[in-house]
Amino acid sequence: MSSKCSVVVADDNREAADTLVELLGAMGYAAVAAYDGRAAVEACSALQPELAILDVEMPLLDGCAAARLIRSGARPPAMIAALSGLRHWQEPLKSNVGLFDVRLAKPPRMDQLAELLATALVRGRAAGAK
């Protein structure tokens, strides 16, 4: 069992997604990028990560719709984080209370990421032990 969690990062801004994946890789985590909501659902189904970080506003499926589908999967991530720019923060998440475990503002802070990754790993291990 790995001592680090795996992560799916979904953002239609390819540069932002790739940068976050590179940062997570430099921190020792296995991370992959998806550039729309459908690709995020597929990646979570195939890879079964401990954590999914989903941009709230994406094409094809927005982050909220993607999170619903991911949560309904056979083995959803231990945690799903909403990622959004501050000006788009409230509206999409108002009607989706409880869908996300945490909200992150773009760009996420290193201390927030480190805490989120540690929590996702613990929750993922606990879920795997059941």
Protein backbone atom coordinates (compact mmCIF):
# COMPACT_ATOMS: atom_id res chain seq x y z
CA MET A 1 0.00 0.00 0.00
CA SER A 2 1.32 3.41 -0.96
CA SER A 3 2.11 5.97 1.71
CA LYS A 4 0.80 8.69 -0.61
CA CYS A 5 -2.66 9.08 -2.06
CA SER A 6 -3.56 9.24 -5.72
CA VAL A 7 -5.40 12.23 -7.14
CA VAL A 8 -7.50 13.12 -10.17
CA VAL A 9 -7.36 16.84 -10.96
CA ALA A 10 -10.09 18.11 -13.30
CA ASP A 11 -10.01 21.60 -14.77
CA ASP A 12 -10.88 22.80 -18.27
CA ASN A 13 -7.97 25.23 -17.96
CA ARG A 14 -5.31 22.78 -19.13
CA GLU A 15 -2.44 24.87 -17.83
CA ALA A 16 -3.98 25.07 -14.35
CA ALA A 17 -4.70 21.31 -14.27
CA ASP A 18 -1.25 20.39 -15.54
CA THR A 19 0.45 22.75 -13.09
CA LEU A 20 -1.44 21.27 -10.15
CA VAL A 21 -0.61 17.73 -11.33
CA GLU A 22 3.08 18.67 -11.60
CA LEU A 23 3.00 20.21 -8.12
CA LEU A 24 1.38 17.10 -6.65
CA GLY A 25 3.94 14.94 -8.45
CA ALA A 26 6.77 17.01 -6.98
CA MET A 27 5.20 16.42 -3.55
CA GLY A 28 5.37 12.66 -4.20
CA TYR A 29 1.73 12.03 -5.11
CA ALA A 30 0.44 10.16 -8.16
CA ALA A 31 -1.80 12.63 -9.98
CA VAL A 32 -3.47 12.76 -13.38
CA ALA A 33 -5.24 15.58 -15.18
CA ALA A 34 -8.68 15.53 -16.78
CA TYR A 35 -9.84 18.51 -18.83
CA ASP A 36 -13.61 18.18 -18.55
CA GLY A 37 -16.19 16.59 -16.28
CA ARG A 38 -16.70 13.46 -18.35
CA ALA A 39 -12.98 12.75 -18.42
CA ALA A 40 -12.90 13.26 -14.63
CA VAL A 41 -15.64 10.66 -14.12
CA GLU A 42 -13.83 8.20 -16.40
CA ALA A 43 -10.49 8.79 -14.67
CA CYS A 44 -11.99 8.27 -11.22
CA SER A 45 -13.69 5.07 -12.35
CA ALA A 46 -10.51 3.68 -13.91
CA LEU A 47 -7.96 4.84 -11.34
CA GLN A 48 -9.99 4.79 -8.11
CA PRO A 49 -8.05 7.67 -6.51
CA GLU A 50 -8.34 8.67 -2.88
CA LEU A 51 -8.97 12.29 -3.90
CA ALA A 52 -10.67 14.09 -6.78
CA ILE A 53 -10.20 17.85 -7.18
CA LEU A 54 -12.91 19.16 -9.53
CA ASP A 55 -13.23 22.60 -11.07
CA VAL A 56 -16.82 23.69 -10.52
CA GLU A 57 -17.23 25.18 -14.02
CA MET A 58 -16.20 22.75 -16.78
CA PRO A 59 -17.62 21.83 -20.19
CA LEU A 60 -19.57 18.63 -20.95
CA LEU A 61 -20.23 18.05 -17.25
CA ASP A 62 -19.66 20.71 -14.63
CA GLY A 63 -17.89 19.82 -11.40
CA CYS A 64 -21.15 19.30 -9.50
CA ALA A 65 -22.59 16.87 -12.06
CA ALA A 66 -19.25 15.07 -12.28
CA ALA A 67 -19.08 14.78 -8.48
CA ARG A 68 -22.57 13.23 -8.38
CA LEU A 69 -21.58 10.61 -10.96
CA ILE A 70 -18.25 9.93 -9.25
CA ARG A 71 -19.95 9.47 -5.87
CA SER A 72 -22.40 6.98 -7.41
CA GLY A 73 -19.54 4.84 -8.75
CA ALA A 74 -18.42 1.47 -7.42
CA ARG A 75 -15.49 2.91 -5.45
CA PRO A 76 -15.67 6.69 -5.21
CA PRO A 77 -12.73 8.70 -3.88
CA ALA A 78 -12.54 9.12 -0.12
CA MET A 79 -12.81 12.87 -0.71
CA ILE A 80 -13.97 15.20 -3.46
CA ALA A 81 -12.87 18.83 -3.43
CA ALA A 82 -14.55 21.69 -5.30
CA LEU A 83 -12.11 24.05 -7.01
CA SER A 84 -13.28 27.47 -8.11
CA GLY A 85 -12.33 31.06 -8.66
CA LEU A 86 -13.71 33.28 -5.92
CA ARG A 87 -16.13 35.20 -8.13
CA HIS A 88 -17.87 31.95 -9.13
CA TRP A 89 -17.86 30.45 -5.66
CA GLN A 90 -21.40 30.63 -4.33
CA GLU A 91 -23.98 30.03 -7.07
CA PRO A 92 -23.08 26.52 -8.32
CA LEU A 93 -22.42 25.24 -4.81
CA LYS A 94 -25.58 26.64 -3.15
CA SER A 95 -27.80 23.85 -4.42
CA ASN A 96 -25.11 21.20 -3.98
CA VAL A 97 -24.52 21.34 -0.24
CA GLY A 98 -22.78 18.19 0.97
CA LEU A 99 -21.64 17.10 -2.48
CA PHE A 100 -18.06 18.21 -1.85
CA ASP A 101 -15.97 17.50 1.23
CA VAL A 102 -14.03 20.73 0.92
CA ARG A 103 -13.87 23.86 -1.20
CA LEU A 104 -10.63 25.21 -2.60
CA ALA A 105 -10.12 28.64 -4.14
CA LYS A 106 -7.94 28.89 -7.25
CA PRO A 107 -5.05 28.59 -6.93
CA PRO A 108 -5.08 26.30 -3.89
CA ARG A 109 -2.59 27.05 -1.14
CA MET A 110 0.15 24.52 -0.36
CA ASP A 111 -0.93 24.15 3.28
CA GLN A 112 -4.52 23.44 2.20
CA LEU A 113 -3.33 20.83 -0.30
CA ALA A 114 -1.06 19.12 2.21
CA GLU A 115 -3.86 18.88 4.79
CA LEU A 116 -6.37 17.70 2.18
CA LEU A 117 -4.01 15.02 0.86
CA ALA A 118 -3.27 13.70 4.35
CA THR A 119 -6.97 13.55 5.22
CA ALA A 120 -7.87 11.84 1.92
CA LEU A 121 -5.20 9.21 2.50
CA VAL A 122 -6.47 8.42 6.00
CA ARG A 123 -10.09 8.25 4.81
CA GLY A 124 -9.10 6.15 1.81
CA ARG A 125 -7.27 3.65 4.00
CA ALA A 126 -10.20 3.47 6.41
CA ALA A 127 -12.64 2.85 3.55
CA GLY A 128 -10.35 0.16 2.11
CA ALA A 129 -10.21 -1.65 5.44
CA LYS A 130 -14.00 -2.13 5.56
